[in-house]
Each structure stands twice: as C-alpha cells, then as structure tokens.
Amino acid sequence: MTTALLCACGHTVSDPPAANSQLAPAKAEQTQIARGHAFVAAKCSGCHAVEPGIEPPNPQAPSFVAVANEMDFTPERLREFFLDGHDDPFAMTILLEEDEAEIATAYIMSLRSP
C-alpha cells in the first residue's frame, strides 16, 4: 500500500523546479563575491577602503569603489593586473594566485555603479 501511495505522487525529487537552474549561476556569483570580500578585507584593508563609504587608511591607496568605477578596469584587465603582479606605487607589490585574483576581481567589480 505504501508503495502504491508513493508511486501515485506526481512530484518526484529528481524533478526540481525549472527556476532552480536559473538561480545556480547567480548563487555561484554571490559566493565568489562573498569570498572576494572576505579575502580583500583580510589582505587589502590595511591600505585600501574595501567597502563603500569608508576612507582608505592610506590616502594614496584608491578605494575599491574607485578602482571599480574610476580607473577604467574591465574584469579581465583587473584580474590580469592581480595575476601579473604590480608594484605601482612602489610601496605596493602584489601577486595573487589564480583563485585569489578571481574572487578579488568578483568582489571589486561588484562595487561598480550601474
């Protein structure tokens, strides 16, 4: 009898709603952004303002809002900037690993104004 009742049920676990397939990329992007925020807060906040509305601790270091909106970076160019390493200005030398560059770029580009 239990088997008959379970078979009669029209909903199966293997048939998720179609909307879930559209939510997966957005969820993955939000995860990248959250990981990027945690990373830059830990590694970059000593010089840069990593969140909107905060002044950079180092007045010569641009805020990440400025990086996203005023410095003509595309996501690709910013990612390459992190991967190639840089020392401009001289006091800032950085070379990120692939995953670090991806998540830092995702977070910083999320600060871009529409």
C-alpha atoms as a PDB file:
ATOM      1  CA  MET A   1       0.000   0.000   0.000  1.00  0.00           C
ATOM      2  CA  THR A   2       2.823   2.461   0.862  1.00  0.00           C
ATOM      3  CA  THR A   3       4.462   1.746  -2.476  1.00  0.00           C
ATOM      4  CA  ALA A   4       1.209   2.443  -4.292  1.00  0.00           C
ATOM      5  CA  LEU A   5       0.813   5.757  -2.483  1.00  0.00           C
ATOM      6  CA  LEU A   6       4.386   6.822  -3.254  1.00  0.00           C
ATOM      7  CA  CYS A   7       4.007   5.903  -6.911  1.00  0.00           C
ATOM      8  CA  ALA A   8       0.769   7.868  -7.131  1.00  0.00           C
ATOM      9  CA  CYS A   9       2.515  11.041  -6.039  1.00  0.00           C
ATOM     10  CA  GLY A  10       3.030  13.334  -9.039  1.00  0.00           C
ATOM     11  CA  HIS A  11       6.111  15.142  -7.645  1.00  0.00           C
ATOM     12  CA  THR A  12       9.462  13.410  -7.661  1.00  0.00           C
ATOM     13  CA  VAL A  13      12.678  14.519  -6.034  1.00  0.00           C
ATOM     14  CA  SER A  14      14.569  14.123  -9.301  1.00  0.00           C
ATOM     15  CA  ASP A  15      12.424  16.801 -10.979  1.00  0.00           C
ATOM     16  CA  PRO A  16      13.458  20.140  -9.416  1.00  0.00           C
ATOM     17  CA  PRO A  17      11.587  23.251 -10.459  1.00  0.00           C
ATOM     18  CA  ALA A  18      12.961  24.878 -13.604  1.00  0.00           C
ATOM     19  CA  ALA A  19      13.648  28.133 -11.736  1.00  0.00           C
ATOM     20  CA  ASN A  20      16.428  26.450  -9.742  1.00  0.00           C
ATOM     21  CA  SER A  21      18.552  26.130 -12.879  1.00  0.00           C
ATOM     22  CA  GLN A  22      18.432  29.911 -13.284  1.00  0.00           C
ATOM     23  CA  LEU A  23      19.380  30.516  -9.648  1.00  0.00           C
ATOM     24  CA  ALA A  24      22.567  28.425  -9.760  1.00  0.00           C
ATOM     25  CA  PRO A  25      24.742  30.947 -11.681  1.00  0.00           C
ATOM     26  CA  ALA A  26      23.523  33.829  -9.503  1.00  0.00           C
ATOM     27  CA  LYS A  27      24.272  31.840  -6.342  1.00  0.00           C
ATOM     28  CA  ALA A  28      27.748  30.958  -7.633  1.00  0.00           C
ATOM     29  CA  GLU A  29      28.422  34.635  -8.410  1.00  0.00           C
ATOM     30  CA  GLN A  30      27.250  35.694  -4.945  1.00  0.00           C
ATOM     31  CA  THR A  31      29.546  33.076  -3.414  1.00  0.00           C
ATOM     32  CA  GLN A  32      32.519  34.432  -5.409  1.00  0.00           C
ATOM     33  CA  ILE A  33      31.688  37.971  -4.311  1.00  0.00           C
ATOM     34  CA  ALA A  34      31.404  36.943  -0.645  1.00  0.00           C
ATOM     35  CA  ARG A  35      34.704  35.045  -0.810  1.00  0.00           C
ATOM     36  CA  GLY A  36      36.308  38.041  -2.507  1.00  0.00           C
ATOM     37  CA  HIS A  37      35.039  40.417   0.149  1.00  0.00           C
ATOM     38  CA  ALA A  38      36.482  38.243   2.924  1.00  0.00           C
ATOM     39  CA  PHE A  39      39.793  37.953   1.058  1.00  0.00           C
ATOM     40  CA  VAL A  40      40.268  41.670   0.361  1.00  0.00           C
ATOM     41  CA  ALA A  41      39.104  42.592   3.870  1.00  0.00           C
ATOM     42  CA  ALA A  42      41.856  40.372   5.269  1.00  0.00           C
ATOM     43  CA  LYS A  43      44.616  41.198   2.766  1.00  0.00           C
ATOM     44  CA  CYS A  44      43.981  44.706   1.455  1.00  0.00           C
ATOM     45  CA  SER A  45      42.160  46.721   4.111  1.00  0.00           C
ATOM     46  CA  GLY A  46      45.382  47.916   5.709  1.00  0.00           C
ATOM     47  CA  CYS A  47      45.749  50.373   2.816  1.00  0.00           C
ATOM     48  CA  HIS A  48      42.540  50.313   0.746  1.00  0.00           C
ATOM     49  CA  ALA A  49      38.936  51.043   1.666  1.00  0.00           C
ATOM     50  CA  VAL A  50      37.378  47.754   0.662  1.00  0.00           C
ATOM     51  CA  GLU A  51      33.757  48.797   1.338  1.00  0.00           C
ATOM     52  CA  PRO A  52      31.744  51.778   0.093  1.00  0.00           C
ATOM     53  CA  GLY A  53      31.574  54.855   2.286  1.00  0.00           C
ATOM     54  CA  ILE A  54      34.898  54.318   4.032  1.00  0.00           C
ATOM     55  CA  GLU A  55      38.046  56.371   3.557  1.00  0.00           C
ATOM     56  CA  PRO A  56      41.205  54.405   2.724  1.00  0.00           C
ATOM     57  CA  PRO A  57      43.609  54.027   5.667  1.00  0.00           C
ATOM     58  CA  ASN A  58      46.373  55.071   3.257  1.00  0.00           C
ATOM     59  CA  PRO A  59      45.292  58.289   1.497  1.00  0.00           C
ATOM     60  CA  GLN A  60      47.346  57.325  -1.572  1.00  0.00           C
ATOM     61  CA  ALA A  61      45.581  53.960  -1.954  1.00  0.00           C
ATOM     62  CA  PRO A  62      42.377  54.153  -4.000  1.00  0.00           C
ATOM     63  CA  SER A  63      39.198  52.784  -2.517  1.00  0.00           C
ATOM     64  CA  PHE A  64      37.897  49.668  -4.227  1.00  0.00           C
ATOM     65  CA  VAL A  65      34.810  51.660  -5.237  1.00  0.00           C
ATOM     66  CA  ALA A  66      37.187  53.979  -7.124  1.00  0.00           C
ATOM     67  CA  VAL A  67      39.011  51.011  -8.649  1.00  0.00           C
ATOM     68  CA  ALA A  68      35.691  49.619  -9.900  1.00  0.00           C
ATOM     69  CA  ASN A  69      34.311  52.909 -11.191  1.00  0.00           C
ATOM     70  CA  GLU A  70      37.053  55.403 -11.957  1.00  0.00           C
ATOM     71  CA  MET A  71      40.129  53.528 -13.117  1.00  0.00           C
ATOM     72  CA  ASP A  72      38.944  52.061 -16.443  1.00  0.00           C
ATOM     73  CA  PHE A  73      39.407  48.463 -15.343  1.00  0.00           C
ATOM     74  CA  THR A  74      37.414  45.740 -17.014  1.00  0.00           C
ATOM     75  CA  PRO A  75      37.059  42.500 -15.065  1.00  0.00           C
ATOM     76  CA  GLU A  76      39.620  40.915 -17.388  1.00  0.00           C
ATOM     77  CA  ARG A  77      42.149  43.743 -17.015  1.00  0.00           C
ATOM     78  CA  LEU A  78      41.787  43.827 -13.220  1.00  0.00           C
ATOM     79  CA  ARG A  79      42.244  40.052 -12.999  1.00  0.00           C
ATOM     80  CA  GLU A  80      45.380  40.275 -15.170  1.00  0.00           C
ATOM     81  CA  PHE A  81      46.642  43.160 -13.043  1.00  0.00           C
ATOM     82  CA  PHE A  82      46.429  40.901  -9.989  1.00  0.00           C
ATOM     83  CA  LEU A  83      47.987  37.911 -11.743  1.00  0.00           C
ATOM     84  CA  ASP A  84      50.899  39.794 -13.304  1.00  0.00           C
ATOM     85  CA  GLY A  85      51.886  41.388 -10.049  1.00  0.00           C
ATOM     86  CA  HIS A  86      52.480  45.065  -9.740  1.00  0.00           C
ATOM     87  CA  ASP A  87      54.484  47.492  -7.723  1.00  0.00           C
ATOM     88  CA  ASP A  88      52.858  50.730  -8.680  1.00  0.00           C
ATOM     89  CA  PRO A  89      53.026  52.583  -6.457  1.00  0.00           C
ATOM     90  CA  PHE A  90      56.353  51.304  -5.259  1.00  0.00           C
ATOM     91  CA  ALA A  91      55.070  50.566  -1.760  1.00  0.00           C
ATOM     92  CA  MET A  92      52.505  48.107  -3.106  1.00  0.00           C
ATOM     93  CA  THR A  93      53.815  44.873  -4.548  1.00  0.00           C
ATOM     94  CA  ILE A  94      51.264  42.129  -5.017  1.00  0.00           C
ATOM     95  CA  LEU A  95      50.980  38.903  -6.968  1.00  0.00           C
ATOM     96  CA  LEU A  96      47.833  36.875  -6.450  1.00  0.00           C
ATOM     97  CA  GLU A  97      47.148  33.238  -7.183  1.00  0.00           C
ATOM     98  CA  GLU A  98      44.504  32.426  -9.815  1.00  0.00           C
ATOM     99  CA  ASP A  99      41.689  31.808  -7.307  1.00  0.00           C
ATOM    100  CA  GLU A 100      42.601  34.907  -5.304  1.00  0.00           C
ATOM    101  CA  ALA A 101      42.576  37.052  -8.446  1.00  0.00           C
ATOM    102  CA  GLU A 102      39.185  35.641  -9.452  1.00  0.00           C
ATOM    103  CA  ILE A 103      37.491  36.309  -6.123  1.00  0.00           C
ATOM    104  CA  ALA A 104      39.123  39.721  -5.587  1.00  0.00           C
ATOM    105  CA  THR A 105      38.029  40.757  -9.079  1.00  0.00           C
ATOM    106  CA  ALA A 106      34.487  39.462  -8.497  1.00  0.00           C
ATOM    107  CA  TYR A 107      34.156  41.498  -5.316  1.00  0.00           C
ATOM    108  CA  ILE A 108      35.709  44.698  -6.645  1.00  0.00           C
ATOM    109  CA  MET A 109      33.653  44.603  -9.848  1.00  0.00           C
ATOM    110  CA  SER A 110      30.513  44.064  -7.740  1.00  0.00           C
ATOM    111  CA  LEU A 111      31.104  47.611  -6.459  1.00  0.00           C
ATOM    112  CA  ARG A 112      30.681  49.049  -9.953  1.00  0.00           C
ATOM    113  CA  SER A 113      27.825  51.527 -10.255  1.00  0.00           C
ATOM    114  CA  PRO A 114      25.132  50.622 -12.791  1.00  0.00           C
END
